[in-house]
Every structure is written in C-alpha cells, then in structure tokens.
Amino acid sequence: MRVISSPALYAAWLLLVIVALTGTYFMHPYVFAFTTLGLGWATAAMAILGCAVCVLAKTRGWGAKLTILGYLALSGVAVYAALAVLSTFKWA
C-alpha cells in the first residue's frame, strides 16, 4: 500500500504521459493517436486507483492526497490536450 499511496508514483505517471505524448507527436500521426488513446485509458485507470487511495489510505495526510489528485488532474489535462490536437489532423 505504501507504493500505491505515494505521490511519487503519480508524479512518475505524469512524467511518463508527457514524455510519451511529446515523443510520439513528432512521429507518425497514427502512432500519436494510438498512444493518446492508450494513455487516456491508462490514465483513467490510474485516476480510479488514485481516488481510491485518497479515500481509503489512512496513513497519508491531506497534503499527499491533494498532491496525488493534482498529478492525476494534470495527467488528464495532458491527454485532453493531445485529443484536442488529434482533432486538428487531416486524416484523409
């Protein structure tokens, strides 16, 4: 439970999302699209896990819980921005 409730895990997830999205943006648009969709689903799963940790973890203080929620919100914003960029591509 200590690793799952650590804000460092969610900071690493945010870093992974940002690096993967910016790295695949300069590749083929389909690679960026599939990366965005995959990270979107994985971020949703991480958000469910993070919210459960914030509700159930009694060993972490409010500062750590708010930090976890902040990192998850930033991950969601990164995926949302990538989806917005995808809508501007000319696919055909």
PDB file of N, CA and C in Angstrom:
ATOM      1  N   MET A   1       0.822  -1.191   0.000  1.00  0.00           N
ATOM      2  CA  MET A   1       0.000   0.000   0.000  1.00  0.00           C
ATOM      3  C   MET A   1       0.870   1.260   0.000  1.00  0.00           C
ATOM      4  N   ARG A   2       2.092   1.150   0.489  1.00  0.00           N
ATOM      5  CA  ARG A   2       2.956   2.318   0.586  1.00  0.00           C
ATOM      6  C   ARG A   2       3.314   2.855  -0.804  1.00  0.00           C
ATOM      7  N   VAL A   3       3.576   1.980  -1.770  1.00  0.00           N
ATOM      8  CA  VAL A   3       3.944   2.431  -3.118  1.00  0.00           C
ATOM      9  C   VAL A   3       2.735   3.043  -3.820  1.00  0.00           C
ATOM     10  N   ILE A   4       1.588   2.406  -3.677  1.00  0.00           N
ATOM     11  CA  ILE A   4       0.388   2.882  -4.361  1.00  0.00           C
ATOM     12  C   ILE A   4      -0.069   4.230  -3.802  1.00  0.00           C
ATOM     13  N   SER A   5       0.159   4.466  -2.538  1.00  0.00           N
ATOM     14  CA  SER A   5      -0.278   5.726  -1.935  1.00  0.00           C
ATOM     15  C   SER A   5       0.811   6.800  -1.952  1.00  0.00           C
ATOM     16  N   SER A   6       1.896   6.546  -2.635  1.00  0.00           N
ATOM     17  CA  SER A   6       2.984   7.519  -2.703  1.00  0.00           C
ATOM     18  C   SER A   6       2.732   8.523  -3.826  1.00  0.00           C
ATOM     19  N   PRO A   7       2.838   9.805  -3.548  1.00  0.00           N
ATOM     20  CA  PRO A   7       2.684  10.797  -4.619  1.00  0.00           C
ATOM     21  C   PRO A   7       3.746  10.672  -5.709  1.00  0.00           C
ATOM     22  N   ALA A   8       4.879  10.076  -5.401  1.00  0.00           N
ATOM     23  CA  ALA A   8       5.936   9.914  -6.404  1.00  0.00           C
ATOM     24  C   ALA A   8       5.481   9.020  -7.557  1.00  0.00           C
ATOM     25  N   LEU A   9       4.645   8.029  -7.277  1.00  0.00           N
ATOM     26  CA  LEU A   9       4.116   7.163  -8.335  1.00  0.00           C
ATOM     27  C   LEU A   9       3.302   7.973  -9.331  1.00  0.00           C
ATOM     28  N   TYR A  10       2.493   8.871  -8.846  1.00  0.00           N
ATOM     29  CA  TYR A  10       1.630   9.664  -9.715  1.00  0.00           C
ATOM     30  C   TYR A  10       2.412  10.771 -10.415  1.00  0.00           C
ATOM     31  N   ALA A  11       3.485  11.256  -9.797  1.00  0.00           N
ATOM     32  CA  ALA A  11       4.376  12.197 -10.467  1.00  0.00           C
ATOM     33  C   ALA A  11       5.107  11.501 -11.617  1.00  0.00           C
ATOM     34  N   ALA A  12       5.531  10.269 -11.385  1.00  0.00           N
ATOM     35  CA  ALA A  12       6.187   9.498 -12.442  1.00  0.00           C
ATOM     36  C   ALA A  12       5.208   9.208 -13.576  1.00  0.00           C
ATOM     37  N   TRP A  13       3.952   8.954 -13.241  1.00  0.00           N
ATOM     38  CA  TRP A  13       2.946   8.705 -14.274  1.00  0.00           C
ATOM     39  C   TRP A  13       2.746   9.963 -15.122  1.00  0.00           C
ATOM     40  N   LEU A  14       2.677  11.115 -14.475  1.00  0.00           N
ATOM     41  CA  LEU A  14       2.535  12.373 -15.211  1.00  0.00           C
ATOM     42  C   LEU A  14       3.726  12.584 -16.138  1.00  0.00           C
ATOM     43  N   LEU A  15       4.911  12.326 -15.651  1.00  0.00           N
ATOM     44  CA  LEU A  15       6.108  12.467 -16.471  1.00  0.00           C
ATOM     45  C   LEU A  15       6.081  11.508 -17.656  1.00  0.00           C
ATOM     46  N   LEU A  16       5.672  10.274 -17.418  1.00  0.00           N
ATOM     47  CA  LEU A  16       5.580   9.290 -18.499  1.00  0.00           C
ATOM     48  C   LEU A  16       4.574   9.730 -19.550  1.00  0.00           C
ATOM     49  N   VAL A  17       3.433  10.239 -19.130  1.00  0.00           N
ATOM     50  CA  VAL A  17       2.406  10.691 -20.073  1.00  0.00           C
ATOM     51  C   VAL A  17       2.938  11.836 -20.925  1.00  0.00           C
ATOM     52  N   ILE A  18       3.574  12.800 -20.297  1.00  0.00           N
ATOM     53  CA  ILE A  18       4.073  13.959 -21.041  1.00  0.00           C
ATOM     54  C   ILE A  18       5.179  13.565 -22.007  1.00  0.00           C
ATOM     55  N   VAL A  19       6.099  12.725 -21.556  1.00  0.00           N
ATOM     56  CA  VAL A  19       7.205  12.304 -22.425  1.00  0.00           C
ATOM     57  C   VAL A  19       6.691  11.457 -23.584  1.00  0.00           C
ATOM     58  N   ALA A  20       5.770  10.543 -23.318  1.00  0.00           N
ATOM     59  CA  ALA A  20       5.246   9.688 -24.382  1.00  0.00           C
ATOM     60  C   ALA A  20       4.450  10.490 -25.408  1.00  0.00           C
ATOM     61  N   LEU A  21       3.656  11.430 -24.942  1.00  0.00           N
ATOM     62  CA  LEU A  21       2.856  12.219 -25.886  1.00  0.00           C
ATOM     63  C   LEU A  21       3.726  13.151 -26.717  1.00  0.00           C
ATOM     64  N   THR A  22       4.669  13.814 -26.094  1.00  0.00           N
ATOM     65  CA  THR A  22       5.530  14.701 -26.877  1.00  0.00           C
ATOM     66  C   THR A  22       6.478  13.912 -27.780  1.00  0.00           C
ATOM     67  N   GLY A  23       6.896  12.747 -27.345  1.00  0.00           N
ATOM     68  CA  GLY A  23       7.779  11.929 -28.171  1.00  0.00           C
ATOM     69  C   GLY A  23       7.095  11.358 -29.398  1.00  0.00           C
ATOM     70  N   THR A  24       5.849  10.960 -29.257  1.00  0.00           N
ATOM     71  CA  THR A  24       5.149  10.371 -30.399  1.00  0.00           C
ATOM     72  C   THR A  24       4.486  11.417 -31.281  1.00  0.00           C
ATOM     73  N   TYR A  25       4.383  12.650 -30.817  1.00  0.00           N
ATOM     74  CA  TYR A  25       3.795  13.699 -31.650  1.00  0.00           C
ATOM     75  C   TYR A  25       4.622  13.921 -32.910  1.00  0.00           C
ATOM     76  N   PHE A  26       5.926  13.820 -32.795  1.00  0.00           N
ATOM     77  CA  PHE A  26       6.810  14.068 -33.919  1.00  0.00           C
ATOM     78  C   PHE A  26       6.998  12.839 -34.803  1.00  0.00           C
ATOM     79  N   MET A  27       6.373  11.736 -34.455  1.00  0.00           N
ATOM     80  CA  MET A  27       6.387  10.549 -35.304  1.00  0.00           C
ATOM     81  C   MET A  27       5.177  10.611 -36.235  1.00  0.00           C
ATOM     82  N   HIS A  28       4.708   9.478 -36.628  1.00  0.00           N
ATOM     83  CA  HIS A  28       3.539   9.365 -37.497  1.00  0.00           C
ATOM     84  C   HIS A  28       2.268   9.721 -36.721  1.00  0.00           C
ATOM     85  N   PRO A  29       1.287  10.350 -37.370  1.00  0.00           N
ATOM     86  CA  PRO A  29       0.054  10.711 -36.660  1.00  0.00           C
ATOM     87  C   PRO A  29      -0.693   9.517 -36.070  1.00  0.00           C
ATOM     88  N   TYR A  30      -0.614   8.373 -36.726  1.00  0.00           N
ATOM     89  CA  TYR A  30      -1.301   7.192 -36.186  1.00  0.00           C
ATOM     90  C   TYR A  30      -0.630   6.699 -34.901  1.00  0.00           C
ATOM     91  N   VAL A  31       0.680   6.799 -34.829  1.00  0.00           N
ATOM     92  CA  VAL A  31       1.386   6.417 -33.601  1.00  0.00           C
ATOM     93  C   VAL A  31       0.969   7.342 -32.463  1.00  0.00           C
ATOM     94  N   PHE A  32       0.888   8.639 -32.755  1.00  0.00           N
ATOM     95  CA  PHE A  32       0.442   9.606 -31.757  1.00  0.00           C
ATOM     96  C   PHE A  32      -1.001   9.338 -31.341  1.00  0.00           C
ATOM     97  N   ALA A  33      -1.835   8.987 -32.295  1.00  0.00           N
ATOM     98  CA  ALA A  33      -3.243   8.717 -31.987  1.00  0.00           C
ATOM     99  C   ALA A  33      -3.402   7.500 -31.088  1.00  0.00           C
ATOM    100  N   PHE A  34      -2.733   6.411 -31.423  1.00  0.00           N
ATOM    101  CA  PHE A  34      -2.850   5.211 -30.595  1.00  0.00           C
ATOM    102  C   PHE A  34      -2.209   5.410 -29.224  1.00  0.00           C
ATOM    103  N   THR A  35      -1.130   6.165 -29.168  1.00  0.00           N
ATOM    104  CA  THR A  35      -0.520   6.475 -27.875  1.00  0.00           C
ATOM    105  C   THR A  35      -1.466   7.308 -27.024  1.00  0.00           C
ATOM    106  N   THR A  36      -2.111   8.275 -27.632  1.00  0.00           N
ATOM    107  CA  THR A  36      -3.055   9.119 -26.905  1.00  0.00           C
ATOM    108  C   THR A  36      -4.223   8.301 -26.371  1.00  0.00           C
ATOM    109  N   LEU A  37      -4.773   7.441 -27.200  1.00  0.00           N
ATOM    110  CA  LEU A  37      -5.905   6.622 -26.756  1.00  0.00           C
ATOM    111  C   LEU A  37      -5.491   5.645 -25.657  1.00  0.00           C
ATOM    112  N   GLY A  38      -4.338   5.013 -25.820  1.00  0.00           N
ATOM    113  CA  GLY A  38      -3.874   4.082 -24.801  1.00  0.00           C
ATOM    114  C   GLY A  38      -3.575   4.771 -23.480  1.00  0.00           C
ATOM    115  N   LEU A  39      -2.917   5.921 -23.561  1.00  0.00           N
ATOM    116  CA  LEU A  39      -2.629   6.656 -22.332  1.00  0.00           C
ATOM    117  C   LEU A  39      -3.895   7.236 -21.707  1.00  0.00           C
ATOM    118  N   GLY A  40      -4.876   7.532 -22.536  1.00  0.00           N
ATOM    119  CA  GLY A  40      -6.149   8.001 -21.989  1.00  0.00           C
ATOM    120  C   GLY A  40      -6.817   6.934 -21.138  1.00  0.00           C
ATOM    121  N   TRP A  41      -6.853   5.721 -21.656  1.00  0.00           N
ATOM    122  CA  TRP A  41      -7.441   4.617 -20.881  1.00  0.00           C
ATOM    123  C   TRP A  41      -6.617   4.311 -19.636  1.00  0.00           C
ATOM    124  N   ALA A  42      -5.313   4.311 -19.778  1.00  0.00           N
ATOM    125  CA  ALA A  42      -4.460   4.020 -18.626  1.00  0.00           C
ATOM    126  C   ALA A  42      -4.536   5.135 -17.581  1.00  0.00           C
ATOM    127  N   THR A  43      -4.682   6.367 -18.031  1.00  0.00           N
ATOM    128  CA  THR A  43      -4.824   7.475 -17.087  1.00  0.00           C
ATOM    129  C   THR A  43      -6.149   7.375 -16.348  1.00  0.00           C
ATOM    130  N   ALA A  44      -7.186   6.933 -17.043  1.00  0.00           N
ATOM    131  CA  ALA A  44      -8.473   6.726 -16.364  1.00  0.00           C
ATOM    132  C   ALA A  44      -8.343   5.657 -15.279  1.00  0.00           C
ATOM    133  N   ALA A  45      -7.613   4.588 -15.573  1.00  0.00           N
ATOM    134  CA  ALA A  45      -7.399   3.544 -14.565  1.00  0.00           C
ATOM    135  C   ALA A  45      -6.569   4.073 -13.398  1.00  0.00           C
ATOM    136  N   MET A  46      -5.552   4.873 -13.707  1.00  0.00           N
ATOM    137  CA  MET A  46      -4.750   5.473 -12.632  1.00  0.00           C
ATOM    138  C   MET A  46      -5.584   6.444 -11.795  1.00  0.00           C
ATOM    139  N   ALA A  47      -6.509   7.145 -12.433  1.00  0.00           N
ATOM    140  CA  ALA A  47      -7.365   8.074 -11.699  1.00  0.00           C
ATOM    141  C   ALA A  47      -8.289   7.327 -10.739  1.00  0.00           C
ATOM    142  N   ILE A  48      -8.812   6.200 -11.182  1.00  0.00           N
ATOM    143  CA  ILE A  48      -9.651   5.386 -10.296  1.00  0.00           C
ATOM    144  C   ILE A  48      -8.822   4.883  -9.120  1.00  0.00           C
ATOM    145  N   LEU A  49      -7.623   4.406  -9.401  1.00  0.00           N
ATOM    146  CA  LEU A  49      -6.736   3.936  -8.340  1.00  0.00           C
ATOM    147  C   LEU A  49      -6.367   5.067  -7.387  1.00  0.00           C
ATOM    148  N   GLY A  50      -6.026   6.229  -7.935  1.00  0.00           N
ATOM    149  CA  GLY A  50      -5.643   7.354  -7.101  1.00  0.00           C
ATOM    150  C   GLY A  50      -6.781   7.862  -6.232  1.00  0.00           C
ATOM    151  N   CYS A  51      -7.982   7.904  -6.785  1.00  0.00           N
ATOM    152  CA  CYS A  51      -9.138   8.330  -5.984  1.00  0.00           C
ATOM    153  C   CYS A  51      -9.433   7.323  -4.875  1.00  0.00           C
ATOM    154  N   ALA A  52      -9.285   6.041  -5.185  1.00  0.00           N
ATOM    155  CA  ALA A  52      -9.484   5.023  -4.153  1.00  0.00           C
ATOM    156  C   ALA A  52      -8.442   5.158  -3.052  1.00  0.00           C
ATOM    157  N   VAL A  53      -7.212   5.452  -3.440  1.00  0.00           N
ATOM    158  CA  VAL A  53      -6.158   5.656  -2.438  1.00  0.00           C
ATOM    159  C   VAL A  53      -6.488   6.855  -1.557  1.00  0.00           C
ATOM    160  N   CYS A  54      -6.959   7.928  -2.181  1.00  0.00           N
ATOM    161  CA  CYS A  54      -7.281   9.131  -1.405  1.00  0.00           C
ATOM    162  C   CYS A  54      -8.422   8.889  -0.428  1.00  0.00           C
ATOM    163  N   VAL A  55      -9.338   8.022  -0.784  1.00  0.00           N
ATOM    164  CA  VAL A  55     -10.465   7.735   0.106  1.00  0.00           C
ATOM    165  C   VAL A  55     -10.071   6.726   1.181  1.00  0.00           C
ATOM    166  N   LEU A  56      -9.310   5.704   0.803  1.00  0.00           N
ATOM    167  CA  LEU A  56      -9.071   4.579   1.707  1.00  0.00           C
ATOM    168  C   LEU A  56      -7.784   4.671   2.526  1.00  0.00           C
ATOM    169  N   ALA A  57      -6.786   5.393   2.053  1.00  0.00           N
ATOM    170  CA  ALA A  57      -5.497   5.418   2.755  1.00  0.00           C
ATOM    171  C   ALA A  57      -5.589   6.309   3.986  1.00  0.00           C
ATOM    172  N   LYS A  58      -5.334   5.706   5.116  1.00  0.00           N
ATOM    173  CA  LYS A  58      -5.368   6.457   6.358  1.00  0.00           C
ATOM    174  C   LYS A  58      -3.978   6.893   6.814  1.00  0.00           C
ATOM    175  N   THR A  59      -2.940   6.344   6.165  1.00  0.00           N
ATOM    176  CA  THR A  59      -1.575   6.666   6.574  1.00  0.00           C
ATOM    177  C   THR A  59      -1.064   7.955   5.938  1.00  0.00           C
ATOM    178  N   ARG A  60      -1.700   8.419   4.886  1.00  0.00           N
ATOM    179  CA  ARG A  60      -1.252   9.628   4.193  1.00  0.00           C
ATOM    180  C   ARG A  60      -2.068  10.829   4.655  1.00  0.00           C
ATOM    181  N   GLY A  61      -1.403  11.967   4.731  1.00  0.00           N
ATOM    182  CA  GLY A  61      -2.075  13.192   5.136  1.00  0.00           C
ATOM    183  C   GLY A  61      -2.796  13.848   3.966  1.00  0.00           C
ATOM    184  N   TRP A  62      -3.458  14.949   4.267  1.00  0.00           N
ATOM    185  CA  TRP A  62      -4.216  15.650   3.233  1.00  0.00           C
ATOM    186  C   TRP A  62      -3.305  16.251   2.178  1.00  0.00           C
ATOM    187  N   GLY A  63      -2.108  16.645   2.558  1.00  0.00           N
ATOM    188  CA  GLY A  63      -1.178  17.202   1.578  1.00  0.00           C
ATOM    189  C   GLY A  63      -0.804  16.191   0.507  1.00  0.00           C
ATOM    190  N   ALA A  64      -0.514  14.974   0.925  1.00  0.00           N
ATOM    191  CA  ALA A  64      -0.169  13.919  -0.037  1.00  0.00           C
ATOM    192  C   ALA A  64      -1.364  13.560  -0.906  1.00  0.00           C
ATOM    193  N   LYS A  65      -2.537  13.530  -0.304  1.00  0.00           N
ATOM    194  CA  LYS A  65      -3.739  13.192  -1.074  1.00  0.00           C
ATOM    195  C   LYS A  65      -4.056  14.268  -2.109  1.00  0.00           C
ATOM    196  N   LEU A  66      -3.892  15.529  -1.743  1.00  0.00           N
ATOM    197  CA  LEU A  66      -4.123  16.606  -2.705  1.00  0.00           C
ATOM    198  C   LEU A  66      -3.061  16.611  -3.796  1.00  0.00           C
ATOM    199  N   THR A  67      -1.842  16.236  -3.437  1.00  0.00           N
ATOM    200  CA  THR A  67      -0.781  16.134  -4.438  1.00  0.00           C
ATOM    201  C   THR A  67      -1.098  15.035  -5.447  1.00  0.00           C
ATOM    202  N   ILE A  68      -1.568  13.896  -4.965  1.00  0.00           N
ATOM    203  CA  ILE A  68      -1.956  12.798  -5.853  1.00  0.00           C
ATOM    204  C   ILE A  68      -3.052  13.259  -6.807  1.00  0.00           C
ATOM    205  N   LEU A  69      -4.074  13.918  -6.281  1.00  0.00           N
ATOM    206  CA  LEU A  69      -5.174  14.392  -7.127  1.00  0.00           C
ATOM    207  C   LEU A  69      -4.692  15.439  -8.125  1.00  0.00           C
ATOM    208  N   GLY A  70      -3.748  16.278  -7.719  1.00  0.00           N
ATOM    209  CA  GLY A  70      -3.202  17.271  -8.642  1.00  0.00           C
ATOM    210  C   GLY A  70      -2.436  16.642  -9.788  1.00  0.00           C
ATOM    211  N   TYR A  71      -1.606  15.653  -9.480  1.00  0.00           N
ATOM    212  CA  TYR A  71      -0.876  14.956 -10.542  1.00  0.00           C
ATOM    213  C   TYR A  71      -1.831  14.240 -11.493  1.00  0.00           C
ATOM    214  N   LEU A  72      -2.871  13.640 -10.954  1.00  0.00           N
ATOM    215  CA  LEU A  72      -3.841  12.962 -11.815  1.00  0.00           C
ATOM    216  C   LEU A  72      -4.599  13.951 -12.681  1.00  0.00           C
ATOM    217  N   ALA A  73      -4.931  15.103 -12.127  1.00  0.00           N
ATOM    218  CA  ALA A  73      -5.618  16.121 -12.916  1.00  0.00           C
ATOM    219  C   ALA A  73      -4.729  16.621 -14.053  1.00  0.00           C
ATOM    220  N   LEU A  74      -3.451  16.830 -13.772  1.00  0.00           N
ATOM    221  CA  LEU A  74      -2.525  17.269 -14.824  1.00  0.00           C
ATOM    222  C   LEU A  74      -2.348  16.192 -15.893  1.00  0.00           C
ATOM    223  N   SER A  75      -2.354  14.920 -15.501  1.00  0.00           N
ATOM    224  CA  SER A  75      -2.278  13.837 -16.482  1.00  0.00           C
ATOM    225  C   SER A  75      -3.510  13.845 -17.376  1.00  0.00           C
ATOM    226  N   GLY A  76      -4.659  14.057 -16.777  1.00  0.00           N
ATOM    227  CA  GLY A  76      -5.894  14.137 -17.558  1.00  0.00           C
ATOM    228  C   GLY A  76      -5.899  15.322 -18.507  1.00  0.00           C
ATOM    229  N   VAL A  77      -5.373  16.450 -18.060  1.00  0.00           N
ATOM    230  CA  VAL A  77      -5.295  17.632 -18.919  1.00  0.00           C
ATOM    231  C   VAL A  77      -4.344  17.378 -20.090  1.00  0.00           C
ATOM    232  N   ALA A  78      -3.252  16.673 -19.845  1.00  0.00           N
ATOM    233  CA  ALA A  78      -2.305  16.357 -20.928  1.00  0.00           C
ATOM    234  C   ALA A  78      -2.958  15.467 -21.984  1.00  0.00           C
ATOM    235  N   VAL A  79      -3.712  14.477 -21.545  1.00  0.00           N
ATOM    236  CA  VAL A  79      -4.394  13.603 -22.501  1.00  0.00           C
ATOM    237  C   VAL A  79      -5.490  14.378 -23.240  1.00  0.00           C
ATOM    238  N   TYR A  80      -6.199  15.238 -22.519  1.00  0.00           N
ATOM    239  CA  TYR A  80      -7.231  16.049 -23.152  1.00  0.00           C
ATOM    240  C   TYR A  80      -6.632  16.975 -24.217  1.00  0.00           C
ATOM    241  N   ALA A  81      -5.492  17.574 -23.913  1.00  0.00           N
ATOM    242  CA  ALA A  81      -4.825  18.430 -24.888  1.00  0.00           C
ATOM    243  C   ALA A  81      -4.377  17.633 -26.108  1.00  0.00           C
ATOM    244  N   ALA A  82      -3.899  16.417 -25.886  1.00  0.00           N
ATOM    245  CA  ALA A  82      -3.489  15.571 -27.010  1.00  0.00           C
ATOM    246  C   ALA A  82      -4.698  15.196 -27.869  1.00  0.00           C
ATOM    247  N   LEU A  83      -5.828  14.939 -27.239  1.00  0.00           N
ATOM    248  CA  LEU A  83      -7.045  14.652 -28.012  1.00  0.00           C
ATOM    249  C   LEU A  83      -7.490  15.877 -28.814  1.00  0.00           C
ATOM    250  N   ALA A  84      -7.320  17.056 -28.248  1.00  0.00           N
ATOM    251  CA  ALA A  84      -7.657  18.277 -28.968  1.00  0.00           C
ATOM    252  C   ALA A  84      -6.740  18.468 -30.171  1.00  0.00           C
ATOM    253  N   VAL A  85      -5.462  18.136 -30.010  1.00  0.00           N
ATOM    254  CA  VAL A  85      -4.522  18.225 -31.132  1.00  0.00           C
ATOM    255  C   VAL A  85      -4.892  17.196 -32.195  1.00  0.00           C
ATOM    256  N   LEU A  86      -5.318  16.027 -31.789  1.00  0.00           N
ATOM    257  CA  LEU A  86      -5.715  14.998 -32.762  1.00  0.00           C
ATOM    258  C   LEU A  86      -6.891  15.450 -33.618  1.00  0.00           C
ATOM    259  N   SER A  87      -7.771  16.245 -33.054  1.00  0.00           N
ATOM    260  CA  SER A  87      -8.936  16.676 -33.834  1.00  0.00           C
ATOM    261  C   SER A  87      -8.565  17.661 -34.924  1.00  0.00           C
ATOM    262  N   THR A  88      -7.356  18.207 -34.888  1.00  0.00           N
ATOM    263  CA  THR A  88      -6.933  19.148 -35.922  1.00  0.00           C
ATOM    264  C   THR A  88      -6.209  18.466 -37.077  1.00  0.00           C
ATOM    265  N   PHE A  89      -5.895  17.187 -36.963  1.00  0.00           N
ATOM    266  CA  PHE A  89      -5.176  16.488 -38.023  1.00  0.00           C
ATOM    267  C   PHE A  89      -6.084  16.242 -39.213  1.00  0.00           C
ATOM    268  N   LYS A  90      -5.497  16.284 -40.391  1.00  0.00           N
ATOM    269  CA  LYS A  90      -6.197  15.914 -41.620  1.00  0.00           C
ATOM    270  C   LYS A  90      -5.895  14.447 -41.904  1.00  0.00           C
ATOM    271  N   TRP A  91      -6.883  13.589 -41.708  1.00  0.00           N
ATOM    272  CA  TRP A  91      -6.657  12.148 -41.783  1.00  0.00           C
ATOM    273  C   TRP A  91      -6.773  11.592 -43.195  1.00  0.00           C
ATOM    274  N   ALA A  92      -7.462  12.259 -44.062  1.00  0.00           N
ATOM    275  CA  ALA A  92      -7.662  11.701 -45.400  1.00  0.00           C
ATOM    276  C   ALA A  92      -6.950  12.509 -46.463  1.00  0.00           C
TER     277      ALA A  92
END
